[in-house]
C-alpha atoms as a PDB file:
ATOM      1  CA  MET A   1     189.419 157.556 -91.128  1.00  0.00           C
ATOM      2  CA  LYS A   2     187.687 155.985 -88.123  1.00  0.00           C
ATOM      3  CA  SER A   3     184.077 155.455 -87.148  1.00  0.00           C
ATOM      4  CA  PHE A   4     182.859 156.918 -83.858  1.00  0.00           C
ATOM      5  CA  LEU A   5     179.761 156.431 -81.757  1.00  0.00           C
ATOM      6  CA  LEU A   6     179.385 159.642 -79.749  1.00  0.00           C
ATOM      7  CA  ILE A   7     176.853 159.532 -76.911  1.00  0.00           C
ATOM      8  CA  GLY A   8     176.025 162.813 -75.196  1.00  0.00           C
ATOM      9  CA  LEU A   9     175.806 166.068 -77.158  1.00  0.00           C
ATOM     10  CA  GLY A  10     176.228 168.739 -74.517  1.00  0.00           C
ATOM     11  CA  ARG A  11     178.947 171.351 -74.928  1.00  0.00           C
ATOM     12  CA  PHE A  12     181.736 168.816 -74.488  1.00  0.00           C
ATOM     13  CA  GLY A  13     180.192 166.265 -76.825  1.00  0.00           C
ATOM     14  CA  ARG A  14     179.482 168.882 -79.466  1.00  0.00           C
ATOM     15  CA  HIS A  15     183.094 170.073 -79.399  1.00  0.00           C
ATOM     16  CA  ILE A  16     184.267 166.482 -79.862  1.00  0.00           C
ATOM     17  CA  ALA A  17     181.923 166.119 -82.827  1.00  0.00           C
ATOM     18  CA  MET A  18     183.271 169.311 -84.383  1.00  0.00           C
ATOM     19  CA  GLN A  19     186.879 168.178 -84.051  1.00  0.00           C
ATOM     20  CA  LEU A  20     186.203 164.675 -85.363  1.00  0.00           C
ATOM     21  CA  ASN A  21     184.300 166.129 -88.303  1.00  0.00           C
ATOM     22  CA  ALA A  22     187.196 168.467 -89.108  1.00  0.00           C
ATOM     23  CA  GLN A  23     189.477 165.421 -89.221  1.00  0.00           C
ATOM     24  CA  GLY A  24     187.177 163.614 -91.646  1.00  0.00           C
ATOM     25  CA  HIS A  25     185.951 160.826 -89.372  1.00  0.00           C
ATOM     26  CA  GLN A  26     182.516 159.175 -89.511  1.00  0.00           C
ATOM     27  CA  ILE A  27     180.330 160.016 -86.522  1.00  0.00           C
ATOM     28  CA  MET A  28     177.113 158.512 -85.245  1.00  0.00           C
ATOM     29  CA  ALA A  29     175.801 160.972 -82.645  1.00  0.00           C
ATOM     30  CA  VAL A  30     173.263 160.063 -79.965  1.00  0.00           C
ATOM     31  CA  ASP A  31     171.397 162.067 -77.331  1.00  0.00           C
ATOM     32  CA  SER A  32     168.028 161.877 -75.614  1.00  0.00           C
ATOM     33  CA  ASN A  33     167.461 165.580 -76.315  1.00  0.00           C
ATOM     34  CA  GLU A  34     166.022 166.287 -79.761  1.00  0.00           C
ATOM     35  CA  ASP A  35     167.317 169.871 -79.890  1.00  0.00           C
ATOM     36  CA  ARG A  36     170.884 168.761 -79.213  1.00  0.00           C
ATOM     37  CA  VAL A  37     170.665 166.139 -81.928  1.00  0.00           C
ATOM     38  CA  ASN A  38     169.322 168.674 -84.425  1.00  0.00           C
ATOM     39  CA  ASP A  39     172.156 171.070 -83.570  1.00  0.00           C
ATOM     40  CA  VAL A  40     174.842 168.633 -84.754  1.00  0.00           C
ATOM     41  CA  LEU A  41     173.193 167.264 -87.889  1.00  0.00           C
ATOM     42  CA  ASP A  42     175.445 169.330 -90.134  1.00  0.00           C
ATOM     43  CA  ILE A  43     178.687 168.071 -88.547  1.00  0.00           C
ATOM     44  CA  VAL A  44     177.997 164.340 -88.074  1.00  0.00           C
ATOM     45  CA  THR A  45     177.435 161.432 -90.442  1.00  0.00           C
ATOM     46  CA  ASN A  46     174.253 160.311 -88.733  1.00  0.00           C
ATOM     47  CA  ALA A  47     172.357 161.066 -85.538  1.00  0.00           C
ATOM     48  CA  GLN A  48     169.627 159.475 -83.460  1.00  0.00           C
ATOM     49  CA  ILE A  49     167.463 160.477 -80.528  1.00  0.00           C
ATOM     50  CA  GLY A  50     167.402 157.768 -77.906  1.00  0.00           C
ATOM     51  CA  ASP A  51     168.106 156.486 -74.417  1.00  0.00           C
ATOM     52  CA  SER A  52     171.634 155.109 -74.209  1.00  0.00           C
ATOM     53  CA  THR A  53     170.791 153.201 -71.026  1.00  0.00           C
ATOM     54  CA  ASN A  54     168.409 151.042 -73.065  1.00  0.00           C
ATOM     55  CA  ALA A  55     170.250 147.892 -74.125  1.00  0.00           C
ATOM     56  CA  GLU A  56     167.998 147.262 -77.131  1.00  0.00           C
ATOM     57  CA  PHE A  57     168.532 150.779 -78.437  1.00  0.00           C
ATOM     58  CA  LEU A  58     172.316 150.455 -78.181  1.00  0.00           C
ATOM     59  CA  LYS A  59     172.269 147.004 -79.717  1.00  0.00           C
ATOM     60  CA  ALA A  60     170.325 148.349 -82.702  1.00  0.00           C
ATOM     61  CA  LEU A  61     173.117 150.867 -83.306  1.00  0.00           C
ATOM     62  CA  GLY A  62     175.596 148.038 -83.876  1.00  0.00           C
ATOM     63  CA  VAL A  63     178.144 149.187 -81.315  1.00  0.00           C
ATOM     64  CA  ARG A  64     180.566 146.429 -82.343  1.00  0.00           C
ATOM     65  CA  ASN A  65     181.029 148.124 -85.708  1.00  0.00           C
ATOM     66  CA  PHE A  66     182.465 151.379 -84.355  1.00  0.00           C
ATOM     67  CA  ASP A  67     186.181 151.849 -83.873  1.00  0.00           C
ATOM     68  CA  VAL A  68     185.621 154.054 -80.823  1.00  0.00           C
ATOM     69  CA  CYS A  69     182.604 154.667 -78.572  1.00  0.00           C
ATOM     70  CA  ILE A  70     182.753 157.923 -76.611  1.00  0.00           C
ATOM     71  CA  VAL A  71     180.415 158.492 -73.677  1.00  0.00           C
ATOM     72  CA  ALA A  72     180.320 162.273 -73.246  1.00  0.00           C
ATOM     73  CA  ILE A  73     177.268 162.453 -70.991  1.00  0.00           C
ATOM     74  CA  SER A  74     177.522 165.227 -68.404  1.00  0.00           C
ATOM     75  CA  GLY A  75     175.470 165.918 -65.293  1.00  0.00           C
ATOM     76  CA  ASP A  76     174.019 162.409 -65.072  1.00  0.00           C
ATOM     77  CA  PHE A  77     176.682 160.008 -63.843  1.00  0.00           C
ATOM     78  CA  GLN A  78     174.258 157.106 -63.402  1.00  0.00           C
ATOM     79  CA  SER A  79     173.367 157.224 -67.104  1.00  0.00           C
ATOM     80  CA  SER A  80     177.030 157.548 -68.033  1.00  0.00           C
ATOM     81  CA  LEU A  81     177.955 154.532 -65.936  1.00  0.00           C
ATOM     82  CA  GLU A  82     175.102 152.394 -67.260  1.00  0.00           C
ATOM     83  CA  THR A  83     175.862 153.361 -70.843  1.00  0.00           C
ATOM     84  CA  THR A  84     179.547 152.554 -70.415  1.00  0.00           C
ATOM     85  CA  SER A  85     178.771 149.156 -68.935  1.00  0.00           C
ATOM     86  CA  LEU A  86     176.241 148.291 -71.643  1.00  0.00           C
ATOM     87  CA  LEU A  87     178.607 149.280 -74.448  1.00  0.00           C
ATOM     88  CA  LYS A  88     181.238 146.890 -73.158  1.00  0.00           C
ATOM     89  CA  GLU A  89     178.703 144.108 -72.636  1.00  0.00           C
ATOM     90  CA  LEU A  90     177.539 144.535 -76.232  1.00  0.00           C
ATOM     91  CA  GLY A  91     181.078 144.120 -77.544  1.00  0.00           C
ATOM     92  CA  ALA A  92     182.248 147.691 -78.168  1.00  0.00           C
ATOM     93  CA  GLN A  93     185.882 147.698 -79.289  1.00  0.00           C
ATOM     94  CA  LEU A  94     187.049 150.773 -77.376  1.00  0.00           C
ATOM     95  CA  VAL A  95     184.978 152.671 -74.809  1.00  0.00           C
ATOM     96  CA  VAL A  96     186.106 156.128 -73.724  1.00  0.00           C
ATOM     97  CA  SER A  97     184.001 157.783 -71.017  1.00  0.00           C
ATOM     98  CA  ARG A  98     183.906 161.238 -69.505  1.00  0.00           C
ATOM     99  CA  ALA A  99     184.454 161.717 -65.759  1.00  0.00           C
ATOM    100  CA  GLU A 100     183.831 164.859 -63.740  1.00  0.00           C
ATOM    101  CA  ARG A 101     185.403 163.665 -60.476  1.00  0.00           C
ATOM    102  CA  ASP A 102     188.125 161.220 -59.401  1.00  0.00           C
ATOM    103  CA  VAL A 103     185.642 158.778 -57.925  1.00  0.00           C
ATOM    104  CA  GLN A 104     183.688 158.728 -61.185  1.00  0.00           C
ATOM    105  CA  ALA A 105     186.828 157.854 -63.116  1.00  0.00           C
ATOM    106  CA  LYS A 106     187.429 154.870 -60.833  1.00  0.00           C
ATOM    107  CA  PHE A 107     183.873 153.554 -61.232  1.00  0.00           C
ATOM    108  CA  LEU A 108     183.918 153.999 -65.005  1.00  0.00           C
ATOM    109  CA  LEU A 109     187.168 152.061 -65.351  1.00  0.00           C
ATOM    110  CA  ARG A 110     185.793 149.279 -63.167  1.00  0.00           C
ATOM    111  CA  ASN A 111     182.586 149.060 -65.179  1.00  0.00           C
ATOM    112  CA  GLY A 112     183.772 148.835 -68.756  1.00  0.00           C
ATOM    113  CA  ALA A 113     185.577 152.032 -69.751  1.00  0.00           C
ATOM    114  CA  ASP A 114     188.884 151.347 -71.491  1.00  0.00           C
ATOM    115  CA  GLU A 115     189.940 154.955 -71.021  1.00  0.00           C
ATOM    116  CA  VAL A 116     188.574 157.967 -69.156  1.00  0.00           C
ATOM    117  CA  LEU A 117     188.418 161.601 -70.253  1.00  0.00           C
ATOM    118  CA  TYR A 118     188.635 164.055 -67.358  1.00  0.00           C
ATOM    119  CA  PRO A 119     188.473 167.428 -69.184  1.00  0.00           C
ATOM    120  CA  GLU A 120     188.298 169.709 -66.150  1.00  0.00           C
ATOM    121  CA  LYS A 121     191.279 168.085 -64.427  1.00  0.00           C
ATOM    122  CA  GLN A 122     193.298 167.745 -67.621  1.00  0.00           C
ATOM    123  CA  LEU A 123     192.677 171.360 -68.620  1.00  0.00           C
ATOM    124  CA  ALA A 124     193.489 172.579 -65.112  1.00  0.00           C
ATOM    125  CA  LYS A 125     196.856 170.831 -65.238  1.00  0.00           C
ATOM    126  CA  TRP A 126     197.558 172.208 -68.706  1.00  0.00           C
ATOM    127  CA  ALA A 127     196.677 175.743 -67.576  1.00  0.00           C
ATOM    128  CA  ALA A 128     198.861 175.481 -64.466  1.00  0.00           C
ATOM    129  CA  VAL A 129     201.883 174.382 -66.492  1.00  0.00           C
ATOM    130  CA  ARG A 130     201.223 176.774 -69.371  1.00  0.00           C
ATOM    131  CA  TYR A 131     200.632 179.943 -67.364  1.00  0.00           C
ATOM    132  CA  GLY A 132     202.970 179.028 -64.538  1.00  0.00           C
ATOM    133  CA  SER A 133     205.914 179.269 -66.959  1.00  0.00           C
ATOM    134  CA  SER A 134     207.253 182.468 -68.446  1.00  0.00           C
ATOM    135  CA  HIS A 135     208.332 181.190 -71.866  1.00  0.00           C
ATOM    136  CA  LEU A 136     205.992 178.300 -72.625  1.00  0.00           C
ATOM    137  CA  VAL A 137     203.457 178.551 -75.458  1.00  0.00           C
ATOM    138  CA  ASP A 138     201.948 175.041 -75.394  1.00  0.00           C
ATOM    139  CA  TYR A 139     202.747 171.508 -74.319  1.00  0.00           C
ATOM    140  CA  VAL A 140     201.631 167.890 -74.662  1.00  0.00           C
ATOM    141  CA  GLU A 141     202.271 165.552 -71.744  1.00  0.00           C
ATOM    142  CA  LEU A 142     203.589 162.142 -72.797  1.00  0.00           C
ATOM    143  CA  ASP A 143     203.972 160.692 -69.311  1.00  0.00           C
ATOM    144  CA  ALA A 144     204.972 161.827 -65.833  1.00  0.00           C
ATOM    145  CA  ASN A 145     208.495 162.710 -66.967  1.00  0.00           C
ATOM    146  CA  ASN A 146     208.398 163.576 -70.672  1.00  0.00           C
ATOM    147  CA  ALA A 147     206.589 166.108 -72.838  1.00  0.00           C
ATOM    148  CA  ILE A 148     206.540 167.935 -76.135  1.00  0.00           C
ATOM    149  CA  MET A 149     206.693 171.699 -75.590  1.00  0.00           C
ATOM    150  CA  GLU A 150     206.371 174.734 -77.811  1.00  0.00           C
ATOM    151  CA  VAL A 151     208.721 177.545 -76.819  1.00  0.00           C
ATOM    152  CA  PRO A 152     209.903 180.787 -78.469  1.00  0.00           C
ATOM    153  CA  THR A 153     213.378 180.637 -79.991  1.00  0.00           C
ATOM    154  CA  PRO A 154     215.827 181.878 -77.306  1.00  0.00           C
ATOM    155  CA  GLU A 155     217.454 185.171 -78.287  1.00  0.00           C
ATOM    156  CA  ASN A 156     220.972 183.725 -78.114  1.00  0.00           C
ATOM    157  CA  TRP A 157     219.945 180.906 -80.485  1.00  0.00           C
ATOM    158  CA  VAL A 158     218.577 183.158 -83.234  1.00  0.00           C
ATOM    159  CA  GLY A 159     220.559 182.891 -86.461  1.00  0.00           C
ATOM    160  CA  GLN A 160     222.457 179.818 -85.336  1.00  0.00           C
ATOM    161  CA  THR A 161     222.107 176.382 -86.912  1.00  0.00           C
ATOM    162  CA  VAL A 162     220.893 173.231 -85.236  1.00  0.00           C
ATOM    163  CA  GLY A 163     224.336 171.723 -85.816  1.00  0.00           C
ATOM    164  CA  ASP A 164     226.134 174.652 -84.205  1.00  0.00           C
ATOM    165  CA  LEU A 165     223.971 174.433 -81.098  1.00  0.00           C
ATOM    166  CA  ASP A 166     224.162 170.624 -80.882  1.00  0.00           C
ATOM    167  CA  ILE A 167     220.938 170.738 -78.878  1.00  0.00           C
ATOM    168  CA  ARG A 168     220.518 167.012 -78.351  1.00  0.00           C
ATOM    169  CA  LYS A 169     224.037 166.449 -77.004  1.00  0.00           C
ATOM    170  CA  LYS A 170     224.229 169.576 -74.845  1.00  0.00           C
ATOM    171  CA  TYR A 171     220.721 169.654 -73.433  1.00  0.00           C
ATOM    172  CA  GLY A 172     219.358 166.121 -73.853  1.00  0.00           C
ATOM    173  CA  ILE A 173     216.323 167.267 -75.852  1.00  0.00           C
ATOM    174  CA  ASN A 174     215.190 166.705 -79.441  1.00  0.00           C
ATOM    175  CA  LEU A 175     214.081 169.446 -81.819  1.00  0.00           C
ATOM    176  CA  LEU A 176     211.010 168.101 -83.626  1.00  0.00           C
ATOM    177  CA  GLY A 177     210.007 171.134 -85.656  1.00  0.00           C
ATOM    178  CA  ILE A 178     209.880 174.885 -86.112  1.00  0.00           C
ATOM    179  CA  LYS A 179     206.556 176.717 -86.054  1.00  0.00           C
ATOM    180  CA  LYS A 180     206.332 180.011 -87.933  1.00  0.00           C
ATOM    181  CA  ASN A 181     203.316 182.016 -89.117  1.00  0.00           C
ATOM    182  CA  GLY A 182     200.976 179.202 -88.116  1.00  0.00           C
ATOM    183  CA  SER A 183     202.812 176.529 -90.114  1.00  0.00           C
ATOM    184  CA  VAL A 184     205.105 173.811 -88.782  1.00  0.00           C
ATOM    185  CA  SER A 185     208.210 172.528 -90.555  1.00  0.00           C
ATOM    186  CA  VAL A 186     209.529 169.157 -89.420  1.00  0.00           C
ATOM    187  CA  ASN A 187     212.335 169.039 -91.983  1.00  0.00           C
ATOM    188  CA  ILE A 188     215.044 169.732 -89.446  1.00  0.00           C
ATOM    189  CA  ALA A 189     218.690 169.256 -90.448  1.00  0.00           C
ATOM    190  CA  SER A 190     222.018 170.251 -88.929  1.00  0.00           C
ATOM    191  CA  GLY A 191     222.101 173.267 -91.254  1.00  0.00           C
ATOM    192  CA  THR A 192     218.635 174.535 -90.291  1.00  0.00           C
ATOM    193  CA  VAL A 193     218.864 178.138 -89.069  1.00  0.00           C
ATOM    194  CA  LEU A 194     216.677 179.066 -86.100  1.00  0.00           C
ATOM    195  CA  PRO A 195     214.443 182.095 -86.829  1.00  0.00           C
ATOM    196  CA  ALA A 196     213.839 185.056 -84.529  1.00  0.00           C
ATOM    197  CA  ASP A 197     210.067 185.032 -85.019  1.00  0.00           C
ATOM    198  CA  GLY A 198     209.540 181.292 -84.730  1.00  0.00           C
ATOM    199  CA  HIS A 199     208.690 178.765 -82.045  1.00  0.00           C
ATOM    200  CA  LEU A 200     210.511 175.509 -81.399  1.00  0.00           C
ATOM    201  CA  LEU A 201     208.761 172.171 -80.821  1.00  0.00           C
ATOM    202  CA  VAL A 202     211.000 170.196 -78.501  1.00  0.00           C
ATOM    203  CA  LEU A 203     210.771 166.713 -76.985  1.00  0.00           C
ATOM    204  CA  GLY A 204     212.431 165.663 -73.763  1.00  0.00           C
ATOM    205  CA  GLU A 205     212.213 165.325 -70.016  1.00  0.00           C
ATOM    206  CA  TYR A 206     210.434 168.123 -68.179  1.00  0.00           C
ATOM    207  CA  ARG A 207     213.500 168.958 -66.136  1.00  0.00           C
ATOM    208  CA  SER A 208     215.771 169.104 -69.194  1.00  0.00           C
ATOM    209  CA  ILE A 209     213.404 171.357 -71.129  1.00  0.00           C
ATOM    210  CA  LYS A 210     212.795 173.628 -68.150  1.00  0.00           C
ATOM    211  CA  ARG A 211     216.506 173.942 -67.495  1.00  0.00           C
ATOM    212  CA  CYS A 212     217.331 174.612 -71.152  1.00  0.00           C
ATOM    213  CA  PHE A 213     214.669 177.273 -71.716  1.00  0.00           C
ATOM    214  CA  HIS A 214     214.489 178.677 -68.171  1.00  0.00           C
ATOM    215  CA  LEU A 215     210.806 177.869 -67.830  1.00  0.00           C
END
């Protein structure tokens, strides 16, 4: 369990709060809008109404004590930039800030952000890869060359074992798990039989995965 300081409770910030809450983390939520703060009271550990560009207000929150500080302010880049800079000046351990444009990402990184979230760009890339492929269900990018992808079991693989297919040697990819009926099994052995109604979670280079599954 980690402790989070979440600043900015618009739609994006609220969704982050919901996901962190579902994972059991502690969340201190902050926004200058009272209604937004009231809307998240049931999914955060604590919440305060305040101006995150005010150094004294941030200092009173004890930013050093949080494992991660997320700046999810949208529509007001000046406030986002000032908040990011102040958090770092006050000794925040890890500052993650939201950007809406490339130039914003550059300024945030130069002014204290350790990492930048760029939801529109990241989602656009995900959508292009996901819907630009015929047999891809989901994917997680690891770097420019490697990814974890979820794909339906190929028809000619159904009923065969992992050992029979020798996937790693033949295709250069690793089978991490099998997803079926919403559950994932990672207990993969050479005798594991691949199901007709399941999805495979595979790890490897983009080109190897695309070639193997004709994406």
